[in-house]
Amino acid sequence: MTQLIMDPPATDFIDRRSHIPGSAPSRERRQFSNSHDDLSPEARDLAVAIDQYKLMHRRRFITFEEMLSVVKDLGYHKD
């Protein structure tokens, strides 16, 4: 019977998600603009709702289907 020998796990893995003490914090990449200041009130409502959705679902980017669900949750519908 052949015995399979596995290599030990690599120990040089660098978790880029963790913050390295002493390094400058990196800017988070955003799918949309970093500021909602120049938006109309309706667009600002949508932007805030999308940001809340992304935070709640731990998503950096969303799909069109997810965006559609956010829009529908705000009460918009096609006549």
Protein backbone atom coordinates (compact mmCIF):
# COMPACT_ATOMS: atom_id res chain seq x y z
CA MET A 1 0.00 0.00 0.00
CA THR A 2 1.33 3.43 -0.95
CA GLN A 3 1.47 6.03 1.80
CA LEU A 4 0.94 9.66 0.87
CA ILE A 5 3.34 12.04 2.58
CA MET A 6 2.19 15.64 2.75
CA ASP A 7 4.45 18.64 3.14
CA PRO A 8 3.98 20.71 6.30
CA PRO A 9 1.97 23.90 5.80
CA ALA A 10 3.95 26.90 4.60
CA THR A 11 4.82 29.32 7.38
CA ASP A 12 5.69 32.28 5.18
CA PHE A 13 2.08 33.14 4.37
CA ILE A 14 1.43 36.86 4.74
CA ASP A 15 -2.10 37.86 5.64
CA ARG A 16 -2.47 41.15 3.78
CA ARG A 17 -5.78 41.83 5.50
CA SER A 18 -4.12 42.43 8.85
CA HIS A 19 -2.66 45.78 9.76
CA ILE A 20 1.09 45.91 10.24
CA PRO A 21 1.98 48.08 13.24
CA GLY A 22 3.93 51.17 12.23
CA SER A 23 2.70 51.15 8.65
CA ALA A 24 0.41 53.77 7.21
CA PRO A 25 -3.22 52.68 6.94
CA SER A 26 -4.19 52.01 3.35
CA ARG A 27 -7.21 53.64 1.75
CA GLU A 28 -10.06 51.24 1.30
CA ARG A 29 -11.05 50.70 -2.31
CA ARG A 30 -14.65 51.66 -2.89
CA GLN A 31 -16.98 50.57 -5.65
CA PHE A 32 -18.47 54.04 -5.82
CA SER A 33 -17.38 57.51 -4.76
CA ASN A 34 -15.96 58.08 -1.28
CA SER A 35 -18.25 61.05 -0.69
CA HIS A 36 -21.97 61.56 -1.13
CA ASP A 37 -21.77 65.36 -0.81
CA ASP A 38 -22.33 66.18 -4.49
CA LEU A 39 -25.32 63.85 -4.93
CA SER A 40 -29.00 64.70 -5.13
CA PRO A 41 -31.05 63.67 -2.08
CA GLU A 42 -32.44 60.61 -3.93
CA ALA A 43 -28.99 59.52 -5.10
CA ARG A 44 -27.61 60.05 -1.58
CA ASP A 45 -30.37 57.79 -0.17
CA LEU A 46 -29.41 55.10 -2.68
CA ALA A 47 -25.70 55.47 -1.91
CA VAL A 48 -26.29 55.18 1.83
CA ALA A 49 -28.56 52.15 1.33
CA ILE A 50 -25.92 50.44 -0.84
CA ASP A 51 -23.21 51.22 1.73
CA GLN A 52 -25.39 49.75 4.49
CA TYR A 53 -26.06 46.65 2.37
CA LYS A 54 -22.35 46.17 1.75
CA LEU A 55 -21.53 46.55 5.44
CA MET A 56 -24.30 44.18 6.52
CA HIS A 57 -23.29 41.51 4.00
CA ARG A 58 -19.54 42.13 4.33
CA ARG A 59 -19.23 42.89 0.62
CA ARG A 60 -16.83 45.37 -0.94
CA PHE A 61 -18.51 45.18 -4.34
CA ILE A 62 -22.08 44.21 -5.21
CA THR A 63 -23.68 42.72 -8.28
CA PHE A 64 -26.44 44.28 -10.34
CA GLU A 65 -28.92 41.83 -8.77
CA GLU A 66 -27.90 42.98 -5.30
CA MET A 67 -28.20 46.61 -6.36
CA LEU A 68 -31.66 45.92 -7.76
CA SER A 69 -32.72 44.41 -4.44
CA VAL A 70 -31.48 47.54 -2.62
CA VAL A 71 -33.41 49.76 -5.04
CA LYS A 72 -36.57 47.69 -4.56
CA ASP A 73 -36.11 47.78 -0.77
CA LEU A 74 -36.12 51.59 -1.04
CA GLY A 75 -39.57 51.33 -2.62
CA TYR A 76 -38.76 51.95 -6.27
CA HIS A 77 -40.56 49.88 -8.89
CA LYS A 78 -41.04 49.84 -12.64
CA ASP A 79 -44.45 51.02 -13.82
